[in-house]
């Protein structure tokens, strides 16, 4: 059995270098609806029996470029929200600080984040428990942080594949189980 994990194409949504918490929140909202920058994806000659895709437009656009069959759109594959970890009125922090600290706040179970680490893991397990395992080749098109977390659960369930640290846009990652 083969599972292909694919992060959506890069999103065309520039940001300021320095931002307040409100500017980061506004940028995050723009990012949700921004267009992607399409590119060729190396699929290594794989033919996928089924494709699951996040319900967010950037993932659906990417899936349509790489898969020609019927897609199973699933809200459980949405990206983990990354909210500002603190509220600032005038203090501006670098974009990278907002992004990284939001993920750290999620990891350390801060109430600033809309979803907990346990909630994310539960969502991943629920998704994996309901997909059609009778299919031999399964493609999943979704988001970077979810992909990072889902690949850990796949390995826990006996799949072999790269232990990812940084997930690239438009790159296929394959996992196998006998």
N, C-alpha and C. Protein backbone atom coordinates (compact mmCIF):
# COMPACT_ATOMS: atom_id res chain seq x y z
N UNK A 1 0.85 -1.18 0.00
CA UNK A 1 0.00 0.00 0.00
C UNK A 1 0.89 1.24 0.00
N UNK A 2 0.48 2.22 -0.79
CA UNK A 2 1.24 3.47 -0.93
C UNK A 2 0.32 4.64 -0.61
N UNK A 3 0.84 5.57 0.17
CA UNK A 3 0.14 6.83 0.43
C UNK A 3 1.06 7.96 0.00
N UNK A 4 0.53 8.84 -0.84
CA UNK A 4 1.25 10.03 -1.26
C UNK A 4 0.70 11.23 -0.53
N UNK A 5 1.58 12.00 0.08
CA UNK A 5 1.19 13.22 0.77
C UNK A 5 1.74 14.40 -0.02
N UNK A 6 0.88 15.35 -0.32
CA UNK A 6 1.28 16.49 -1.13
C UNK A 6 0.77 17.78 -0.50
N UNK A 7 1.70 18.67 -0.20
CA UNK A 7 1.32 20.00 0.28
C UNK A 7 0.93 20.85 -0.93
N UNK A 8 -0.09 21.65 -0.76
CA UNK A 8 -0.58 22.52 -1.83
C UNK A 8 0.56 23.38 -2.40
N UNK A 9 0.31 23.94 -3.59
CA UNK A 9 1.26 24.85 -4.22
C UNK A 9 1.50 26.06 -3.33
N UNK A 10 2.61 26.74 -3.58
CA UNK A 10 2.93 27.96 -2.83
C UNK A 10 1.81 28.99 -3.04
N UNK A 11 1.48 29.68 -1.96
CA UNK A 11 0.41 30.67 -2.00
C UNK A 11 1.00 32.05 -2.29
N UNK A 12 0.37 32.78 -3.20
CA UNK A 12 0.82 34.12 -3.56
C UNK A 12 0.18 35.13 -2.62
N UNK A 13 0.80 35.31 -1.46
CA UNK A 13 0.25 36.21 -0.45
C UNK A 13 1.42 36.87 0.31
N UNK A 14 1.97 37.93 -0.28
CA UNK A 14 3.10 38.59 0.38
C UNK A 14 2.69 39.17 1.74
N UNK A 15 3.68 39.37 2.58
CA UNK A 15 3.41 39.92 3.91
C UNK A 15 4.48 40.95 4.26
N UNK A 16 4.13 41.82 5.19
CA UNK A 16 5.10 42.79 5.70
C UNK A 16 6.13 42.04 6.53
N UNK A 17 7.29 42.62 6.66
CA UNK A 17 8.32 42.02 7.51
C UNK A 17 7.96 42.17 8.99
N UNK A 18 7.45 43.33 9.36
CA UNK A 18 7.08 43.62 10.76
C UNK A 18 5.56 43.81 10.83
N UNK A 19 4.93 43.20 11.85
CA UNK A 19 3.47 43.25 11.96
C UNK A 19 3.03 43.31 13.41
N UNK A 20 1.85 43.92 13.61
CA UNK A 20 1.17 43.82 14.91
C UNK A 20 0.38 42.50 14.90
N UNK A 21 -0.20 42.15 16.03
CA UNK A 21 -1.00 40.93 16.07
C UNK A 21 -2.20 41.03 15.12
N UNK A 22 -2.80 42.20 15.04
CA UNK A 22 -3.96 42.38 14.16
C UNK A 22 -3.54 42.27 12.70
N UNK A 23 -2.39 42.81 12.34
CA UNK A 23 -1.90 42.69 10.96
C UNK A 23 -1.61 41.23 10.61
N UNK A 24 -1.08 40.46 11.56
CA UNK A 24 -0.84 39.05 11.33
C UNK A 24 -2.18 38.31 11.12
N UNK A 25 -3.16 38.64 11.93
CA UNK A 25 -4.49 38.02 11.80
C UNK A 25 -5.09 38.37 10.42
N UNK A 26 -4.97 39.63 10.00
CA UNK A 26 -5.50 40.05 8.70
C UNK A 26 -4.77 39.34 7.56
N UNK A 27 -3.44 39.22 7.67
CA UNK A 27 -2.68 38.51 6.65
C UNK A 27 -3.16 37.05 6.58
N UNK A 28 -3.38 36.42 7.72
CA UNK A 28 -3.85 35.03 7.75
C UNK A 28 -5.17 34.87 7.02
N UNK A 29 -6.07 35.82 7.18
CA UNK A 29 -7.36 35.78 6.47
C UNK A 29 -7.17 35.93 4.96
N UNK A 30 -6.27 36.85 4.55
CA UNK A 30 -5.98 37.01 3.12
C UNK A 30 -5.38 35.73 2.55
N UNK A 31 -4.51 35.09 3.30
CA UNK A 31 -3.84 33.86 2.87
C UNK A 31 -4.87 32.77 2.55
N UNK A 32 -5.92 32.69 3.34
CA UNK A 32 -6.94 31.65 3.14
C UNK A 32 -7.57 31.73 1.75
N UNK A 33 -7.71 32.93 1.20
CA UNK A 33 -8.37 33.09 -0.09
C UNK A 33 -7.44 33.42 -1.24
N UNK A 34 -6.14 33.47 -0.98
CA UNK A 34 -5.18 33.87 -2.02
C UNK A 34 -4.98 32.77 -3.06
N UNK A 35 -4.57 33.18 -4.24
CA UNK A 35 -4.29 32.24 -5.34
C UNK A 35 -2.96 31.54 -5.11
N UNK A 36 -2.82 30.39 -5.76
CA UNK A 36 -1.56 29.64 -5.66
C UNK A 36 -0.72 29.88 -6.90
N UNK A 37 0.56 29.58 -6.79
CA UNK A 37 1.48 29.65 -7.91
C UNK A 37 1.71 28.22 -8.38
N UNK A 38 1.10 27.88 -9.50
CA UNK A 38 1.16 26.50 -10.00
C UNK A 38 2.56 26.15 -10.47
N UNK A 39 2.89 24.86 -10.33
CA UNK A 39 4.17 24.35 -10.81
C UNK A 39 4.00 22.88 -11.16
N UNK A 40 4.94 22.33 -11.87
CA UNK A 40 4.90 20.90 -12.21
C UNK A 40 5.29 20.11 -10.97
N UNK A 41 4.51 19.07 -10.69
CA UNK A 41 4.78 18.20 -9.55
C UNK A 41 5.26 16.86 -10.06
N UNK A 42 6.39 16.41 -9.58
CA UNK A 42 6.92 15.09 -9.95
C UNK A 42 6.12 14.03 -9.20
N UNK A 43 5.37 13.22 -9.95
CA UNK A 43 4.54 12.17 -9.34
C UNK A 43 5.17 10.79 -9.50
N UNK A 44 6.35 10.71 -10.10
CA UNK A 44 7.12 9.46 -10.21
C UNK A 44 6.33 8.34 -10.89
N UNK A 45 5.45 8.71 -11.82
CA UNK A 45 4.69 7.71 -12.57
C UNK A 45 3.59 7.02 -11.79
N UNK A 46 3.31 7.48 -10.59
CA UNK A 46 2.27 6.84 -9.78
C UNK A 46 0.89 7.09 -10.35
N UNK A 47 0.05 6.08 -10.26
CA UNK A 47 -1.37 6.20 -10.60
C UNK A 47 -2.13 6.03 -9.30
N UNK A 48 -2.88 7.05 -8.93
CA UNK A 48 -3.58 7.05 -7.66
C UNK A 48 -5.00 6.53 -7.83
N UNK A 49 -5.40 5.64 -6.92
CA UNK A 49 -6.75 5.07 -6.97
C UNK A 49 -7.79 6.05 -6.43
N UNK A 50 -7.38 6.89 -5.52
CA UNK A 50 -8.29 7.83 -4.86
C UNK A 50 -7.48 9.03 -4.38
N UNK A 51 -8.14 10.18 -4.32
CA UNK A 51 -7.49 11.39 -3.84
C UNK A 51 -8.37 12.06 -2.80
N UNK A 52 -7.82 12.24 -1.62
CA UNK A 52 -8.48 13.01 -0.57
C UNK A 52 -7.85 14.39 -0.55
N UNK A 53 -8.68 15.41 -0.36
CA UNK A 53 -8.18 16.77 -0.42
C UNK A 53 -8.88 17.63 0.62
N UNK A 54 -8.12 18.55 1.19
CA UNK A 54 -8.69 19.55 2.10
C UNK A 54 -9.74 20.37 1.36
N UNK A 55 -10.69 20.90 2.10
CA UNK A 55 -11.74 21.70 1.47
C UNK A 55 -11.32 23.14 1.20
N UNK A 56 -10.09 23.51 1.51
CA UNK A 56 -9.64 24.89 1.27
C UNK A 56 -9.19 25.05 -0.19
N UNK A 57 -9.48 26.21 -0.79
CA UNK A 57 -9.23 26.40 -2.23
C UNK A 57 -7.81 26.10 -2.70
N UNK A 58 -6.81 26.45 -1.91
CA UNK A 58 -5.43 26.23 -2.36
C UNK A 58 -5.13 24.74 -2.52
N UNK A 59 -5.71 23.91 -1.68
CA UNK A 59 -5.51 22.46 -1.79
C UNK A 59 -6.31 21.88 -2.96
N UNK A 60 -7.54 22.35 -3.14
CA UNK A 60 -8.37 21.86 -4.24
C UNK A 60 -7.74 22.22 -5.58
N UNK A 61 -7.24 23.44 -5.73
CA UNK A 61 -6.58 23.85 -6.97
C UNK A 61 -5.38 22.95 -7.25
N UNK A 62 -4.59 22.67 -6.23
CA UNK A 62 -3.42 21.81 -6.40
C UNK A 62 -3.85 20.40 -6.80
N UNK A 63 -4.84 19.85 -6.11
CA UNK A 63 -5.30 18.49 -6.41
C UNK A 63 -5.79 18.38 -7.85
N UNK A 64 -6.48 19.38 -8.34
CA UNK A 64 -6.99 19.34 -9.72
C UNK A 64 -5.86 19.32 -10.74
N UNK A 65 -4.73 19.86 -10.38
CA UNK A 65 -3.58 19.88 -11.29
C UNK A 65 -2.88 18.52 -11.36
N UNK A 66 -2.96 17.72 -10.31
CA UNK A 66 -2.19 16.48 -10.25
C UNK A 66 -3.04 15.22 -10.30
N UNK A 67 -4.36 15.36 -10.18
CA UNK A 67 -5.23 14.18 -10.12
C UNK A 67 -6.46 14.44 -10.98
N UNK A 68 -6.81 13.46 -11.83
CA UNK A 68 -7.91 13.68 -12.77
C UNK A 68 -9.20 12.95 -12.40
N UNK A 69 -9.20 12.15 -11.36
CA UNK A 69 -10.41 11.42 -10.98
C UNK A 69 -11.28 12.22 -10.01
N UNK A 70 -12.26 11.53 -9.45
CA UNK A 70 -13.12 12.17 -8.45
C UNK A 70 -12.35 12.33 -7.14
N UNK A 71 -12.43 13.50 -6.59
CA UNK A 71 -11.74 13.79 -5.33
C UNK A 71 -12.72 13.69 -4.17
N UNK A 72 -12.21 13.25 -3.05
CA UNK A 72 -12.99 13.23 -1.81
C UNK A 72 -12.53 14.45 -1.00
N UNK A 73 -13.38 15.46 -0.96
CA UNK A 73 -13.04 16.69 -0.24
C UNK A 73 -13.40 16.50 1.23
N UNK A 74 -12.44 16.79 2.11
CA UNK A 74 -12.63 16.51 3.53
C UNK A 74 -12.15 17.66 4.40
N UNK A 75 -13.06 18.18 5.18
CA UNK A 75 -12.78 19.30 6.09
C UNK A 75 -11.76 18.92 7.18
N UNK A 76 -11.66 17.65 7.50
CA UNK A 76 -10.70 17.21 8.53
C UNK A 76 -9.26 17.48 8.13
N UNK A 77 -9.02 17.67 6.84
CA UNK A 77 -7.65 17.91 6.35
C UNK A 77 -7.26 19.39 6.36
N UNK A 78 -8.13 20.24 6.86
CA UNK A 78 -7.80 21.68 6.93
C UNK A 78 -6.52 21.91 7.75
N UNK A 79 -5.84 23.00 7.42
CA UNK A 79 -4.64 23.36 8.16
C UNK A 79 -4.99 23.73 9.59
N UNK A 80 -4.05 23.50 10.49
CA UNK A 80 -4.18 23.92 11.88
C UNK A 80 -4.08 25.44 11.89
N UNK A 81 -5.09 26.12 12.44
CA UNK A 81 -5.04 27.58 12.51
C UNK A 81 -3.83 28.03 13.30
N UNK A 82 -3.25 29.15 12.88
CA UNK A 82 -2.09 29.73 13.57
C UNK A 82 -2.46 31.16 13.94
N UNK A 83 -2.97 31.33 15.15
CA UNK A 83 -3.42 32.64 15.62
C UNK A 83 -2.28 33.38 16.32
N UNK A 84 -2.37 34.70 16.41
CA UNK A 84 -1.37 35.43 17.18
C UNK A 84 -1.29 34.89 18.62
N UNK A 85 -0.08 34.73 19.10
CA UNK A 85 0.11 34.15 20.43
C UNK A 85 -0.07 35.18 21.54
N UNK A 86 0.02 36.47 21.19
CA UNK A 86 -0.25 37.56 22.12
C UNK A 86 -0.99 38.66 21.36
N UNK A 87 -1.61 39.57 22.10
CA UNK A 87 -2.27 40.71 21.48
C UNK A 87 -1.36 41.93 21.61
N UNK A 88 -1.09 42.58 20.49
CA UNK A 88 -0.29 43.81 20.52
C UNK A 88 -1.06 44.90 19.79
N UNK A 89 -1.01 46.10 20.35
CA UNK A 89 -1.67 47.22 19.68
C UNK A 89 -0.70 47.95 18.76
N UNK A 90 0.46 48.27 19.29
CA UNK A 90 1.44 49.03 18.52
C UNK A 90 2.74 48.27 18.29
N UNK A 91 3.03 47.34 19.17
CA UNK A 91 4.27 46.57 19.05
C UNK A 91 4.23 45.69 17.81
N UNK A 92 5.26 45.85 16.97
CA UNK A 92 5.37 45.04 15.76
C UNK A 92 6.50 44.04 15.94
N UNK A 93 6.22 42.83 15.52
CA UNK A 93 7.21 41.75 15.57
C UNK A 93 7.42 41.22 14.15
N UNK A 94 8.58 40.62 13.90
CA UNK A 94 8.80 40.04 12.56
C UNK A 94 7.77 38.94 12.25
N UNK A 95 7.40 38.86 10.98
CA UNK A 95 6.44 37.86 10.54
C UNK A 95 6.82 36.46 11.03
N UNK A 96 8.08 36.11 10.90
CA UNK A 96 8.55 34.78 11.30
C UNK A 96 8.30 34.52 12.78
N UNK A 97 8.42 35.55 13.61
CA UNK A 97 8.17 35.39 15.05
C UNK A 97 6.69 35.05 15.29
N UNK A 98 5.80 35.75 14.59
CA UNK A 98 4.38 35.46 14.72
C UNK A 98 4.10 34.01 14.34
N UNK A 99 4.67 33.61 13.22
CA UNK A 99 4.42 32.27 12.70
C UNK A 99 4.98 31.18 13.63
N UNK A 100 6.23 31.30 13.98
CA UNK A 100 6.88 30.28 14.82
C UNK A 100 6.29 30.26 16.23
N UNK A 101 6.08 31.42 16.80
CA UNK A 101 5.54 31.46 18.17
C UNK A 101 4.10 30.96 18.23
N UNK A 102 3.34 31.15 17.16
CA UNK A 102 1.99 30.59 17.11
C UNK A 102 2.03 29.06 17.15
N UNK A 103 2.98 28.48 16.41
CA UNK A 103 3.13 27.03 16.42
C UNK A 103 3.64 26.53 17.77
N UNK A 104 4.54 27.28 18.36
CA UNK A 104 5.02 26.91 19.71
C UNK A 104 3.88 27.00 20.72
N UNK A 105 3.05 28.03 20.59
CA UNK A 105 1.90 28.17 21.49
C UNK A 105 0.96 26.97 21.34
N UNK A 106 0.76 26.51 20.11
CA UNK A 106 -0.05 25.31 19.86
C UNK A 106 0.58 24.10 20.57
N UNK A 107 1.89 23.95 20.38
CA UNK A 107 2.59 22.81 20.96
C UNK A 107 2.52 22.81 22.50
N UNK A 108 2.62 24.00 23.08
CA UNK A 108 2.60 24.11 24.54
C UNK A 108 1.19 24.36 25.09
N UNK A 109 0.19 24.10 24.25
CA UNK A 109 -1.22 24.10 24.68
C UNK A 109 -1.72 25.46 25.16
N UNK A 110 -1.25 26.53 24.52
CA UNK A 110 -1.69 27.87 24.88
C UNK A 110 -3.15 28.09 24.47
N UNK A 111 -3.88 28.78 25.29
CA UNK A 111 -5.28 29.11 24.98
C UNK A 111 -5.40 30.11 23.83
N UNK A 112 -4.27 30.69 23.40
CA UNK A 112 -4.29 31.64 22.28
C UNK A 112 -4.60 30.94 20.96
N UNK A 113 -4.44 29.63 20.90
CA UNK A 113 -4.62 28.90 19.65
C UNK A 113 -6.01 28.25 19.58
N UNK A 114 -6.67 28.35 18.42
CA UNK A 114 -8.03 27.83 18.29
C UNK A 114 -8.14 26.31 18.45
N UNK A 115 -7.06 25.59 18.13
CA UNK A 115 -7.09 24.13 18.23
C UNK A 115 -5.93 23.67 19.10
N UNK A 116 -6.17 22.66 19.90
CA UNK A 116 -5.12 22.11 20.76
C UNK A 116 -4.34 21.03 20.00
N UNK A 117 -3.21 20.68 20.52
CA UNK A 117 -2.42 19.60 19.94
C UNK A 117 -3.21 18.29 19.98
N UNK A 118 -3.94 18.09 21.08
CA UNK A 118 -4.78 16.88 21.18
C UNK A 118 -5.89 16.90 20.13
N UNK A 119 -6.46 18.08 19.90
CA UNK A 119 -7.51 18.22 18.89
C UNK A 119 -6.99 17.90 17.50
N UNK A 120 -5.79 18.36 17.19
CA UNK A 120 -5.19 18.07 15.88
C UNK A 120 -4.95 16.57 15.73
N UNK A 121 -4.38 15.95 16.74
CA UNK A 121 -4.13 14.51 16.68
C UNK A 121 -5.43 13.72 16.54
N UNK A 122 -6.45 14.14 17.25
CA UNK A 122 -7.76 13.47 17.18
C UNK A 122 -8.33 13.60 15.76
N UNK A 123 -8.20 14.78 15.17
CA UNK A 123 -8.70 15.03 13.82
C UNK A 123 -7.97 14.14 12.79
N UNK A 124 -6.66 14.01 12.95
CA UNK A 124 -5.87 13.16 12.05
C UNK A 124 -6.28 11.70 12.19
N UNK A 125 -6.42 11.22 13.42
CA UNK A 125 -6.84 9.82 13.63
C UNK A 125 -8.24 9.58 13.06
N UNK A 126 -9.14 10.53 13.24
CA UNK A 126 -10.50 10.40 12.71
C UNK A 126 -10.46 10.30 11.19
N UNK A 127 -9.66 11.16 10.55
CA UNK A 127 -9.54 11.10 9.10
C UNK A 127 -9.00 9.75 8.66
N UNK A 128 -7.89 9.31 9.25
CA UNK A 128 -7.27 8.05 8.84
C UNK A 128 -8.18 6.85 9.11
N UNK A 129 -8.99 6.93 10.14
CA UNK A 129 -9.89 5.82 10.46
C UNK A 129 -11.05 5.69 9.47
N UNK A 130 -11.36 6.76 8.75
CA UNK A 130 -12.52 6.69 7.86
C UNK A 130 -12.18 6.65 6.37
N UNK A 131 -10.91 6.69 6.01
CA UNK A 131 -10.60 6.62 4.58
C UNK A 131 -10.75 5.18 4.08
N UNK A 132 -10.80 5.03 2.77
CA UNK A 132 -11.03 3.73 2.13
C UNK A 132 -9.69 2.99 2.01
N UNK A 133 -9.42 2.12 2.97
CA UNK A 133 -8.16 1.38 2.99
C UNK A 133 -8.12 0.24 1.99
N UNK A 134 -9.23 -0.01 1.27
CA UNK A 134 -9.20 -1.06 0.25
C UNK A 134 -8.44 -0.58 -0.99
N UNK A 135 -8.22 0.71 -1.10
CA UNK A 135 -7.48 1.27 -2.23
C UNK A 135 -5.99 1.07 -2.00
N UNK A 136 -5.27 0.73 -3.08
CA UNK A 136 -3.84 0.42 -2.97
C UNK A 136 -2.96 1.68 -2.98
N UNK A 137 -3.39 2.70 -3.74
CA UNK A 137 -2.61 3.93 -3.89
C UNK A 137 -3.49 5.13 -3.55
N UNK A 138 -3.18 5.78 -2.44
CA UNK A 138 -4.00 6.86 -1.90
C UNK A 138 -3.19 8.15 -1.93
N UNK A 139 -3.75 9.20 -2.54
CA UNK A 139 -3.13 10.52 -2.56
C UNK A 139 -3.90 11.44 -1.63
N UNK A 140 -3.16 12.20 -0.82
CA UNK A 140 -3.78 13.17 0.08
C UNK A 140 -3.13 14.52 -0.20
N UNK A 141 -3.96 15.50 -0.56
CA UNK A 141 -3.47 16.85 -0.87
C UNK A 141 -4.01 17.79 0.20
N UNK A 142 -3.08 18.41 0.93
CA UNK A 142 -3.51 19.26 2.02
C UNK A 142 -2.45 20.27 2.39
N UNK A 143 -2.14 20.46 3.67
CA UNK A 143 -1.37 21.61 4.14
C UNK A 143 -0.13 21.18 4.92
N UNK A 144 0.84 22.08 4.96
CA UNK A 144 2.15 21.76 5.52
C UNK A 144 2.18 21.27 6.95
N UNK A 145 1.56 22.00 7.86
CA UNK A 145 1.63 21.62 9.26
C UNK A 145 0.80 20.36 9.52
N UNK A 146 -0.32 20.22 8.83
CA UNK A 146 -1.11 18.99 8.95
C UNK A 146 -0.33 17.82 8.37
N UNK A 147 0.35 18.02 7.25
CA UNK A 147 1.13 16.96 6.64
C UNK A 147 2.23 16.51 7.61
N UNK A 148 2.90 17.46 8.21
CA UNK A 148 3.96 17.15 9.18
C UNK A 148 3.40 16.26 10.30
N UNK A 149 2.23 16.59 10.82
CA UNK A 149 1.64 15.83 11.91
C UNK A 149 1.05 14.50 11.44
N UNK A 150 0.45 14.47 10.25
CA UNK A 150 -0.14 13.24 9.75
C UNK A 150 0.92 12.19 9.45
N UNK A 151 2.07 12.59 8.92
CA UNK A 151 3.12 11.61 8.62
C UNK A 151 3.62 10.93 9.88
N UNK A 152 3.59 11.62 11.00
CA UNK A 152 3.98 10.98 12.26
C UNK A 152 2.99 9.88 12.63
N UNK A 153 1.70 10.13 12.42
CA UNK A 153 0.68 9.12 12.73
C UNK A 153 0.78 7.95 11.75
N UNK A 154 1.09 8.21 10.49
CA UNK A 154 1.27 7.11 9.53
C UNK A 154 2.41 6.20 9.97
N UNK A 155 3.51 6.77 10.39
CA UNK A 155 4.65 5.96 10.85
C UNK A 155 4.25 5.17 12.09
N UNK A 156 3.46 5.78 12.97
CA UNK A 156 2.98 5.08 14.16
C UNK A 156 2.12 3.87 13.76
N UNK A 157 1.44 3.98 12.62
CA UNK A 157 0.57 2.90 12.14
C UNK A 157 1.30 1.91 11.22
N UNK A 158 2.61 1.98 11.19
CA UNK A 158 3.39 0.98 10.46
C UNK A 158 3.84 1.36 9.07
N UNK A 159 3.62 2.57 8.63
CA UNK A 159 4.08 3.01 7.33
C UNK A 159 5.54 3.42 7.40
N UNK A 160 6.25 3.22 6.30
CA UNK A 160 7.64 3.63 6.18
C UNK A 160 7.70 4.81 5.22
N UNK A 161 8.57 5.77 5.55
CA UNK A 161 8.74 6.94 4.69
C UNK A 161 9.62 7.95 5.39
N UNK A 162 9.90 9.02 4.70
CA UNK A 162 10.78 10.05 5.26
C UNK A 162 10.20 10.63 6.54
N UNK A 163 11.09 10.89 7.47
CA UNK A 163 10.73 11.59 8.71
C UNK A 163 10.92 13.07 8.40
N UNK A 164 9.83 13.75 8.13
CA UNK A 164 9.90 15.13 7.64
C UNK A 164 10.09 16.14 8.77
N UNK A 165 10.87 17.14 8.49
CA UNK A 165 11.02 18.29 9.39
C UNK A 165 10.44 19.53 8.72
N UNK A 166 10.77 19.72 7.46
CA UNK A 166 10.27 20.86 6.70
C UNK A 166 9.52 20.32 5.49
N UNK A 167 8.29 20.75 5.33
CA UNK A 167 7.44 20.26 4.25
C UNK A 167 7.40 21.31 3.15
N UNK A 168 7.78 20.91 1.93
CA UNK A 168 7.84 21.85 0.81
C UNK A 168 6.52 21.84 0.03
N UNK A 169 6.21 22.99 -0.55
CA UNK A 169 5.02 23.13 -1.39
C UNK A 169 5.20 22.36 -2.70
N UNK A 170 4.16 21.63 -3.11
CA UNK A 170 4.18 20.97 -4.40
C UNK A 170 5.19 19.85 -4.53
N UNK A 171 5.54 19.21 -3.42
CA UNK A 171 6.47 18.09 -3.43
C UNK A 171 5.75 16.86 -2.87
N UNK A 172 5.83 15.74 -3.59
CA UNK A 172 5.19 14.50 -3.18
C UNK A 172 6.08 13.75 -2.19
N UNK A 173 5.49 13.35 -1.07
CA UNK A 173 6.17 12.51 -0.08
C UNK A 173 5.42 11.19 -0.04
N UNK A 174 6.16 10.06 -0.16
CA UNK A 174 5.52 8.75 -0.23
C UNK A 174 5.77 7.93 1.03
N UNK A 175 4.73 7.19 1.41
CA UNK A 175 4.79 6.30 2.58
C UNK A 175 4.24 4.95 2.15
N UNK A 176 4.87 3.88 2.64
CA UNK A 176 4.54 2.52 2.22
C UNK A 176 4.27 1.63 3.42
N UNK A 177 3.38 0.66 3.20
CA UNK A 177 3.14 -0.38 4.20
C UNK A 177 2.87 -1.67 3.45
N UNK A 178 3.48 -2.73 3.89
CA UNK A 178 3.31 -4.06 3.26
C UNK A 178 1.92 -4.56 3.49
